[in-house]
Structure formats: structure tokens, C-alpha cells
Amino acid sequence: MASMNISVPDPMRDWVQQRVDTGRYASVSDYVRDLIRRDQMQSDEQEALIAALIKGEQSGISKRNIPEILAAVKQELNANRFRLRGSS
């Protein structure tokens, strides 16, 4: 595992140490790794959302009306729930 040294202001250092002192994190490194993982997940989610928005924009104008679109979404959600229950 690689090592990094960072400098933070005293109030930030105190905040991190308080988080470790609660027992939720084993160490300062554990806390920083968790922050980085969360940032990575958020970045991945943002990229997926942007890609979905671009895909939707490029797909053109739908011939369905809003109630038809909502009904299709509800049907798909219910089908996904059924599949998830069946795989448990």
C-alpha cells in the first residue's frame, strides 16, 4: 500500500481525530480512505447520470405522453422487484 503525507489546518485535524475517537474509524488513514471511496462513488454516479441525460437528449422526442411514460416506468420497477425477489 502506498503512503501519502498531507497537511491540514488544525481544526480539520481535530475534526478527523474526533471521527476516529468515536470508534467508527480505526485510524486517520481509514477515515481518509473512506472519504476517497465516497468521492469515487459520487463521481461514478455523476458520470452515469450525465451519460443517461445525454442518451435521453439524443433519443429525440417521445411519441408517448407523460401518463404512458410513468406507467411504463412503474411496470419496469415492478418487474425488477420481482426479479430481485426471485434471485434471493
N, C-alpha and C. Protein backbone atom coordinates (compact mmCIF):
# COMPACT_ATOMS: atom_id res chain seq x y z
N MET A 1 0.85 -1.17 0.00
CA MET A 1 0.00 0.00 0.00
C MET A 1 0.90 1.23 0.00
N ALA A 2 0.55 2.21 -0.81
CA ALA A 2 1.31 3.45 -0.91
C ALA A 2 1.03 4.35 0.28
N SER A 3 1.94 5.24 0.54
CA SER A 3 1.81 6.18 1.64
C SER A 3 1.76 7.60 1.08
N MET A 4 0.94 8.46 1.73
CA MET A 4 0.83 9.86 1.34
C MET A 4 0.90 10.71 2.61
N ASN A 5 1.53 11.84 2.50
CA ASN A 5 1.54 12.80 3.61
C ASN A 5 0.75 14.02 3.17
N ILE A 6 -0.16 14.48 4.03
CA ILE A 6 -0.94 15.66 3.71
C ILE A 6 -0.86 16.64 4.88
N SER A 7 -1.07 17.90 4.57
CA SER A 7 -1.11 18.94 5.60
C SER A 7 -2.52 19.50 5.63
N VAL A 8 -3.07 19.64 6.83
CA VAL A 8 -4.40 20.22 7.01
C VAL A 8 -4.34 21.22 8.16
N PRO A 9 -5.24 22.20 8.15
CA PRO A 9 -5.29 23.13 9.28
C PRO A 9 -5.69 22.40 10.57
N ASP A 10 -5.32 22.97 11.69
CA ASP A 10 -5.61 22.35 12.99
C ASP A 10 -7.09 21.99 13.18
N PRO A 11 -8.03 22.87 12.81
CA PRO A 11 -9.44 22.49 13.00
C PRO A 11 -9.82 21.23 12.21
N MET A 12 -9.26 21.07 11.01
CA MET A 12 -9.55 19.86 10.23
C MET A 12 -8.92 18.63 10.89
N ARG A 13 -7.70 18.77 11.36
CA ARG A 13 -7.04 17.66 12.05
C ARG A 13 -7.87 17.25 13.26
N ASP A 14 -8.36 18.23 14.02
CA ASP A 14 -9.18 17.94 15.20
C ASP A 14 -10.46 17.22 14.81
N TRP A 15 -11.08 17.66 13.71
CA TRP A 15 -12.31 17.03 13.23
C TRP A 15 -12.07 15.56 12.90
N VAL A 16 -11.00 15.31 12.15
CA VAL A 16 -10.68 13.94 11.76
C VAL A 16 -10.41 13.09 13.00
N GLN A 17 -9.67 13.63 13.94
CA GLN A 17 -9.37 12.87 15.16
C GLN A 17 -10.64 12.57 15.95
N GLN A 18 -11.58 13.52 15.97
CA GLN A 18 -12.87 13.27 16.64
C GLN A 18 -13.61 12.12 15.97
N ARG A 19 -13.55 12.07 14.65
CA ARG A 19 -14.22 10.98 13.91
C ARG A 19 -13.59 9.64 14.27
N VAL A 20 -12.28 9.63 14.39
CA VAL A 20 -11.58 8.39 14.77
C VAL A 20 -11.92 8.03 16.22
N ASP A 21 -11.96 9.02 17.09
CA ASP A 21 -12.23 8.78 18.52
C ASP A 21 -13.61 8.19 18.77
N THR A 22 -14.55 8.42 17.86
CA THR A 22 -15.90 7.85 18.04
C THR A 22 -15.89 6.33 17.87
N GLY A 23 -14.83 5.81 17.26
CA GLY A 23 -14.75 4.37 17.04
C GLY A 23 -15.25 3.93 15.69
N ARG A 24 -15.82 4.85 14.95
CA ARG A 24 -16.34 4.49 13.62
C ARG A 24 -15.19 4.16 12.66
N TYR A 25 -14.06 4.82 12.85
CA TYR A 25 -12.89 4.59 12.02
C TYR A 25 -11.75 4.10 12.89
N ALA A 26 -10.97 3.18 12.36
CA ALA A 26 -9.86 2.61 13.12
C ALA A 26 -8.67 3.56 13.19
N SER A 27 -8.55 4.43 12.20
CA SER A 27 -7.40 5.34 12.15
C SER A 27 -7.72 6.51 11.24
N VAL A 28 -6.82 7.48 11.24
CA VAL A 28 -6.95 8.61 10.33
C VAL A 28 -6.91 8.11 8.88
N SER A 29 -6.03 7.16 8.60
CA SER A 29 -5.94 6.60 7.25
C SER A 29 -7.25 5.94 6.84
N ASP A 30 -7.89 5.23 7.76
CA ASP A 30 -9.17 4.59 7.47
C ASP A 30 -10.22 5.64 7.11
N TYR A 31 -10.22 6.75 7.84
CA TYR A 31 -11.16 7.84 7.58
C TYR A 31 -10.92 8.43 6.19
N VAL A 32 -9.67 8.71 5.87
CA VAL A 32 -9.34 9.31 4.57
C VAL A 32 -9.68 8.33 3.44
N ARG A 33 -9.38 7.06 3.61
CA ARG A 33 -9.75 6.07 2.57
C ARG A 33 -11.25 6.05 2.35
N ASP A 34 -12.03 6.15 3.44
CA ASP A 34 -13.49 6.17 3.30
C ASP A 34 -13.94 7.41 2.53
N LEU A 35 -13.36 8.56 2.81
CA LEU A 35 -13.70 9.78 2.08
C LEU A 35 -13.38 9.62 0.59
N ILE A 36 -12.25 9.03 0.29
CA ILE A 36 -11.86 8.85 -1.11
C ILE A 36 -12.81 7.88 -1.81
N ARG A 37 -13.16 6.78 -1.13
CA ARG A 37 -14.12 5.83 -1.72
C ARG A 37 -15.45 6.51 -2.01
N ARG A 38 -15.93 7.31 -1.05
CA ARG A 38 -17.21 8.02 -1.26
C ARG A 38 -17.12 9.00 -2.43
N ASP A 39 -16.00 9.69 -2.54
CA ASP A 39 -15.80 10.62 -3.64
C ASP A 39 -15.78 9.87 -4.97
N GLN A 40 -15.13 8.71 -5.00
CA GLN A 40 -15.10 7.91 -6.22
C GLN A 40 -16.50 7.46 -6.62
N MET A 41 -17.28 6.99 -5.63
CA MET A 41 -18.65 6.55 -5.92
C MET A 41 -19.50 7.72 -6.43
N GLN A 42 -19.36 8.88 -5.80
CA GLN A 42 -20.13 10.05 -6.23
C GLN A 42 -19.75 10.45 -7.65
N SER A 43 -18.48 10.40 -7.95
CA SER A 43 -18.02 10.74 -9.29
C SER A 43 -18.57 9.76 -10.32
N ASP A 44 -18.53 8.47 -9.99
CA ASP A 44 -19.09 7.44 -10.89
C ASP A 44 -20.58 7.65 -11.11
N GLU A 45 -21.31 7.98 -10.03
CA GLU A 45 -22.75 8.22 -10.15
C GLU A 45 -23.03 9.45 -11.01
N GLN A 46 -22.23 10.51 -10.84
CA GLN A 46 -22.42 11.71 -11.65
C GLN A 46 -22.16 11.41 -13.13
N GLU A 47 -21.11 10.66 -13.40
CA GLU A 47 -20.80 10.31 -14.79
C GLU A 47 -21.92 9.48 -15.40
N ALA A 48 -22.47 8.54 -14.63
CA ALA A 48 -23.57 7.71 -15.13
C ALA A 48 -24.81 8.58 -15.39
N LEU A 49 -25.08 9.52 -14.50
CA LEU A 49 -26.23 10.41 -14.69
C LEU A 49 -26.06 11.27 -15.93
N ILE A 50 -24.87 11.83 -16.10
CA ILE A 50 -24.61 12.67 -17.28
C ILE A 50 -24.76 11.84 -18.55
N ALA A 51 -24.23 10.62 -18.54
CA ALA A 51 -24.36 9.75 -19.72
C ALA A 51 -25.82 9.45 -20.01
N ALA A 52 -26.61 9.20 -18.96
CA ALA A 52 -28.04 8.92 -19.15
C ALA A 52 -28.78 10.15 -19.68
N LEU A 53 -28.42 11.32 -19.18
CA LEU A 53 -29.06 12.54 -19.67
C LEU A 53 -28.72 12.79 -21.14
N ILE A 54 -27.47 12.57 -21.50
CA ILE A 54 -27.07 12.75 -22.90
C ILE A 54 -27.79 11.74 -23.78
N LYS A 55 -27.86 10.49 -23.33
CA LYS A 55 -28.56 9.46 -24.11
C LYS A 55 -30.04 9.84 -24.28
N GLY A 56 -30.64 10.32 -23.21
CA GLY A 56 -32.05 10.72 -23.29
C GLY A 56 -32.25 11.89 -24.23
N GLU A 57 -31.36 12.85 -24.16
CA GLU A 57 -31.46 14.02 -25.04
C GLU A 57 -31.29 13.61 -26.50
N GLN A 58 -30.37 12.70 -26.76
CA GLN A 58 -30.10 12.27 -28.13
C GLN A 58 -31.18 11.33 -28.67
N SER A 59 -32.01 10.78 -27.80
CA SER A 59 -33.02 9.84 -28.26
C SER A 59 -34.19 10.53 -28.96
N GLY A 60 -34.26 11.82 -28.82
CA GLY A 60 -35.32 12.56 -29.51
C GLY A 60 -36.57 12.70 -28.66
N ILE A 61 -37.60 13.16 -29.29
CA ILE A 61 -38.87 13.42 -28.61
C ILE A 61 -39.71 12.15 -28.61
N SER A 62 -40.25 11.81 -27.45
CA SER A 62 -41.06 10.60 -27.31
C SER A 62 -42.43 10.80 -27.95
N LYS A 63 -42.96 9.74 -28.48
CA LYS A 63 -44.32 9.77 -29.02
C LYS A 63 -45.35 9.45 -27.94
N ARG A 64 -44.85 9.03 -26.76
CA ARG A 64 -45.75 8.71 -25.64
C ARG A 64 -46.04 9.97 -24.83
N ASN A 65 -47.19 9.98 -24.17
CA ASN A 65 -47.49 11.09 -23.27
C ASN A 65 -46.98 10.76 -21.86
N ILE A 66 -47.05 11.72 -20.96
CA ILE A 66 -46.48 11.54 -19.63
C ILE A 66 -47.13 10.37 -18.87
N PRO A 67 -48.45 10.23 -18.86
CA PRO A 67 -49.03 9.08 -18.15
C PRO A 67 -48.55 7.73 -18.73
N GLU A 68 -48.34 7.65 -20.02
CA GLU A 68 -47.85 6.41 -20.62
C GLU A 68 -46.40 6.13 -20.18
N ILE A 69 -45.60 7.17 -20.15
CA ILE A 69 -44.21 7.01 -19.71
C ILE A 69 -44.16 6.58 -18.25
N LEU A 70 -44.96 7.21 -17.39
CA LEU A 70 -44.99 6.85 -15.97
C LEU A 70 -45.45 5.41 -15.78
N ALA A 71 -46.45 5.00 -16.53
CA ALA A 71 -46.94 3.62 -16.44
C ALA A 71 -45.84 2.63 -16.84
N ALA A 72 -45.10 2.94 -17.88
CA ALA A 72 -44.02 2.06 -18.32
C ALA A 72 -42.92 1.99 -17.26
N VAL A 73 -42.60 3.11 -16.63
CA VAL A 73 -41.57 3.13 -15.59
C VAL A 73 -42.02 2.28 -14.40
N LYS A 74 -43.29 2.45 -13.98
CA LYS A 74 -43.81 1.67 -12.86
C LYS A 74 -43.78 0.18 -13.18
N GLN A 75 -44.15 -0.17 -14.40
CA GLN A 75 -44.14 -1.57 -14.81
C GLN A 75 -42.72 -2.14 -14.76
N GLU A 76 -41.76 -1.37 -15.23
CA GLU A 76 -40.36 -1.82 -15.21
C GLU A 76 -39.84 -1.97 -13.78
N LEU A 77 -40.19 -1.02 -12.90
CA LEU A 77 -39.78 -1.12 -11.50
C LEU A 77 -40.36 -2.36 -10.84
N ASN A 78 -41.63 -2.63 -11.09
CA ASN A 78 -42.26 -3.83 -10.53
C ASN A 78 -41.61 -5.10 -11.06
N ALA A 79 -41.27 -5.12 -12.34
CA ALA A 79 -40.61 -6.29 -12.92
C ALA A 79 -39.24 -6.49 -12.29
N ASN A 80 -38.52 -5.41 -12.06
CA ASN A 80 -37.20 -5.50 -11.43
C ASN A 80 -37.31 -6.00 -9.99
N ARG A 81 -38.32 -5.55 -9.27
CA ARG A 81 -38.53 -6.03 -7.89
C ARG A 81 -38.81 -7.52 -7.88
N PHE A 82 -39.62 -7.96 -8.81
CA PHE A 82 -39.97 -9.38 -8.91
C PHE A 82 -38.72 -10.21 -9.18
N ARG A 83 -37.88 -9.73 -10.12
CA ARG A 83 -36.64 -10.45 -10.45
C ARG A 83 -35.70 -10.51 -9.26
N LEU A 84 -35.62 -9.41 -8.50
CA LEU A 84 -34.74 -9.39 -7.33
C LEU A 84 -35.22 -10.36 -6.27
N ARG A 85 -36.53 -10.43 -6.05
CA ARG A 85 -37.07 -11.37 -5.07
C ARG A 85 -36.84 -12.82 -5.51
N GLY A 86 -36.96 -13.05 -6.79
CA GLY A 86 -36.79 -14.40 -7.31
C GLY A 86 -35.37 -14.89 -7.23
N SER A 87 -34.39 -13.96 -7.20
CA SER A 87 -32.98 -14.38 -7.17
C SER A 87 -32.46 -14.55 -5.74
N SER A 88 -33.27 -14.23 -4.73
CA SER A 88 -32.80 -14.31 -3.34
C SER A 88 -32.72 -15.75 -2.87
